[in-house]
Amino acid sequence: MKPRIIAAVLAAVIALASTFIPSWEGNQPVGYRDIAGVATACVGHTGADVVVGVRYSPEQCAGWLRSDVGKAATGVGDCVIAPLKVYEWAAFTSLAFNIGVSRFCASSVARKANAHDMAGACQAIELYVYAGGRRIVGLVRRRAAERAMCEGRS
């Protein structure tokens, strides 16, 4: 694929994922500990730069979202070598955003996609519904929505 086409596809993936992810992550501008105890702020941003109790500006939150979605989409593109449709890539990006790129790349979703088993890859999204050792109803719903997107049903 030509670099301009790849850049355009990546931009479409990021745009789609950037509208999908906030509906599941919410936007909490004050740093807090998520259900797994991870310091989190804004739209699911984690990392050493998040301080519990600190309020972040809307501009900071928007910047983190752009950066985090871009990193997740690029990470998916780096570890899934099979051709992807924009909506498959966006669904995988949402999952990678939520569980981390390295965990996504080691997942059954990525393995199945790389084996050209897209139906199996989309189905395997629904395995990732645990946080802090517990099955989370919100993750069950999110994974169902990601699967629907992956299958081109949303």
Protein backbone atom coordinates (compact mmCIF):
# COMPACT_ATOMS: atom_id res chain seq x y z
CA MET A 1 0.00 0.00 0.00
CA LYS A 2 1.27 3.49 -0.82
CA PRO A 3 2.26 5.74 2.12
CA ARG A 4 -0.47 8.33 1.33
CA ILE A 5 -3.11 5.60 1.29
CA ILE A 6 -1.82 4.15 4.55
CA ALA A 7 -1.87 7.62 6.15
CA ALA A 8 -5.43 8.21 4.94
CA VAL A 9 -6.59 4.82 6.25
CA LEU A 10 -4.87 5.44 9.60
CA ALA A 11 -6.53 8.86 9.82
CA ALA A 12 -9.94 7.25 9.17
CA VAL A 13 -9.26 4.61 11.85
CA ILE A 14 -8.23 7.26 14.36
CA ALA A 15 -11.29 9.38 13.57
CA LEU A 16 -13.66 6.44 14.01
CA ALA A 17 -11.98 5.20 17.19
CA SER A 18 -11.81 8.73 18.62
CA THR A 19 -15.58 9.04 18.43
CA PHE A 20 -16.24 5.50 19.70
CA ILE A 21 -13.85 5.32 22.67
CA PRO A 22 -15.08 8.32 24.72
CA SER A 23 -18.61 6.92 24.80
CA TRP A 24 -17.20 3.96 26.76
CA GLU A 25 -14.40 5.61 28.71
CA GLY A 26 -16.20 8.76 29.76
CA ASN A 27 -14.18 11.89 30.53
CA GLN A 28 -13.05 12.44 34.10
CA PRO A 29 -10.71 15.46 34.16
CA VAL A 30 -9.64 14.78 37.76
CA GLY A 31 -7.09 11.98 38.22
CA TYR A 32 -8.53 8.90 39.94
CA ARG A 33 -7.79 5.20 40.43
CA ASP A 34 -9.76 3.00 38.05
CA ILE A 35 -11.32 -0.34 38.96
CA ALA A 36 -7.94 -2.06 38.60
CA GLY A 37 -6.22 0.59 40.75
CA VAL A 38 -4.48 2.35 37.84
CA ALA A 39 -4.10 6.14 38.01
CA THR A 40 -6.35 7.43 35.22
CA ALA A 41 -7.60 10.81 33.99
CA CYS A 42 -9.61 12.32 31.19
CA VAL A 43 -10.65 9.77 28.54
CA GLY A 44 -8.92 6.68 29.93
CA HIS A 45 -5.44 8.20 29.93
CA THR A 46 -2.97 6.33 32.13
CA GLY A 47 0.71 6.77 32.77
CA ALA A 48 3.26 8.39 35.04
CA ASP A 49 1.94 11.82 34.05
CA VAL A 50 -1.41 11.18 35.77
CA VAL A 51 -1.65 12.32 39.39
CA VAL A 52 -4.67 11.24 41.41
CA GLY A 53 -6.61 14.30 42.57
CA VAL A 54 -5.18 16.72 39.99
CA ARG A 55 -7.61 18.44 37.60
CA TYR A 56 -6.56 18.49 33.93
CA SER A 57 -7.70 21.07 31.38
CA PRO A 58 -9.99 20.21 28.48
CA GLU A 59 -7.06 20.93 26.16
CA GLN A 60 -4.81 18.49 28.05
CA CYS A 61 -7.53 15.82 27.94
CA ALA A 62 -8.09 16.33 24.20
CA GLY A 63 -4.35 16.13 23.56
CA TRP A 64 -4.01 12.92 25.53
CA LEU A 65 -6.96 11.39 23.68
CA ARG A 66 -5.45 12.21 20.28
CA SER A 67 -2.07 10.87 21.31
CA ASP A 68 -3.40 7.73 23.04
CA VAL A 69 -5.73 6.77 20.17
CA GLY A 70 -2.95 7.38 17.67
CA LYS A 71 -0.55 5.17 19.65
CA ALA A 72 -3.17 2.42 19.94
CA ALA A 73 -4.03 2.53 16.22
CA THR A 74 -0.37 2.54 15.21
CA GLY A 75 0.35 -0.30 17.63
CA VAL A 76 -2.44 -2.40 16.13
CA GLY A 77 -1.10 -1.64 12.66
CA ASP A 78 2.38 -2.74 13.74
CA CYS A 79 1.35 -6.10 15.22
CA VAL A 80 -1.49 -7.14 12.90
CA ILE A 81 0.06 -7.86 9.53
CA ALA A 82 -3.13 -9.15 7.91
CA PRO A 83 -5.09 -6.62 5.85
CA LEU A 84 -7.76 -4.87 7.90
CA LYS A 85 -10.89 -2.97 7.01
CA VAL A 86 -11.17 0.44 8.67
CA TYR A 87 -13.90 -0.73 11.04
CA GLU A 88 -11.90 -3.84 12.06
CA TRP A 89 -8.83 -1.72 12.74
CA ALA A 90 -10.94 0.79 14.71
CA ALA A 91 -12.47 -1.98 16.85
CA PHE A 92 -9.01 -3.42 17.53
CA THR A 93 -7.78 0.11 18.34
CA SER A 94 -10.52 0.53 20.95
CA LEU A 95 -9.55 -2.79 22.54
CA ALA A 96 -5.83 -1.90 22.46
CA PHE A 97 -6.59 1.53 23.94
CA ASN A 98 -8.37 -0.18 26.83
CA ILE A 99 -6.08 -3.16 27.53
CA GLY A 100 -2.78 -1.74 26.25
CA VAL A 101 -1.01 -2.25 22.94
CA SER A 102 1.42 -4.88 24.24
CA ARG A 103 -1.40 -6.95 25.71
CA PHE A 104 -3.40 -6.55 22.50
CA CYS A 105 -0.44 -7.68 20.39
CA ALA A 106 -0.11 -10.81 22.56
CA SER A 107 -3.86 -11.48 22.48
CA SER A 108 -5.91 -14.17 20.78
CA VAL A 109 -7.53 -11.34 18.81
CA ALA A 110 -4.22 -10.41 17.16
CA ARG A 111 -3.23 -14.06 16.68
CA LYS A 112 -6.50 -14.87 14.94
CA ALA A 113 -6.35 -11.73 12.79
CA ASN A 114 -2.81 -12.60 11.71
CA ALA A 115 -4.03 -16.10 10.83
CA HIS A 116 -6.63 -14.40 8.55
CA ASP A 117 -9.44 -15.60 10.83
CA MET A 118 -11.26 -12.28 11.10
CA ALA A 119 -14.50 -13.86 12.30
CA GLY A 120 -12.56 -15.53 15.11
CA ALA A 121 -10.64 -12.33 15.86
CA CYS A 122 -13.83 -10.31 16.14
CA GLN A 123 -15.41 -12.98 18.36
CA ALA A 124 -12.31 -13.14 20.59
CA ILE A 125 -12.75 -9.45 21.49
CA GLU A 126 -15.46 -10.57 23.90
CA LEU A 127 -12.93 -12.51 26.01
CA TYR A 128 -11.49 -9.30 27.47
CA VAL A 129 -14.16 -8.44 30.04
CA TYR A 130 -12.18 -8.65 33.28
CA ALA A 131 -10.58 -5.87 35.32
CA GLY A 132 -9.07 -6.28 38.74
CA GLY A 133 -9.83 -10.00 38.50
CA ARG A 134 -13.57 -9.43 38.13
CA ARG A 135 -15.95 -9.67 35.19
CA ILE A 136 -17.20 -6.13 34.58
CA VAL A 137 -20.65 -5.57 33.08
CA GLY A 138 -19.51 -2.34 31.41
CA LEU A 139 -16.68 -4.21 29.69
CA VAL A 140 -19.11 -6.91 28.54
CA ARG A 141 -21.19 -4.18 26.88
CA ARG A 142 -18.16 -2.40 25.43
CA ARG A 143 -16.73 -5.63 24.00
CA ALA A 144 -20.09 -6.46 22.40
CA ALA A 145 -20.05 -3.02 20.74
CA GLU A 146 -16.43 -3.49 19.63
CA ARG A 147 -17.30 -6.89 18.20
CA ALA A 148 -20.25 -5.42 16.33
CA MET A 149 -17.97 -2.73 14.91
CA CYS A 150 -15.36 -5.33 13.99
CA GLU A 151 -18.00 -7.33 12.15
CA GLY A 152 -19.26 -4.21 10.35
CA ARG A 153 -22.59 -4.25 12.19
CA SER A 154 -22.41 -0.82 13.81
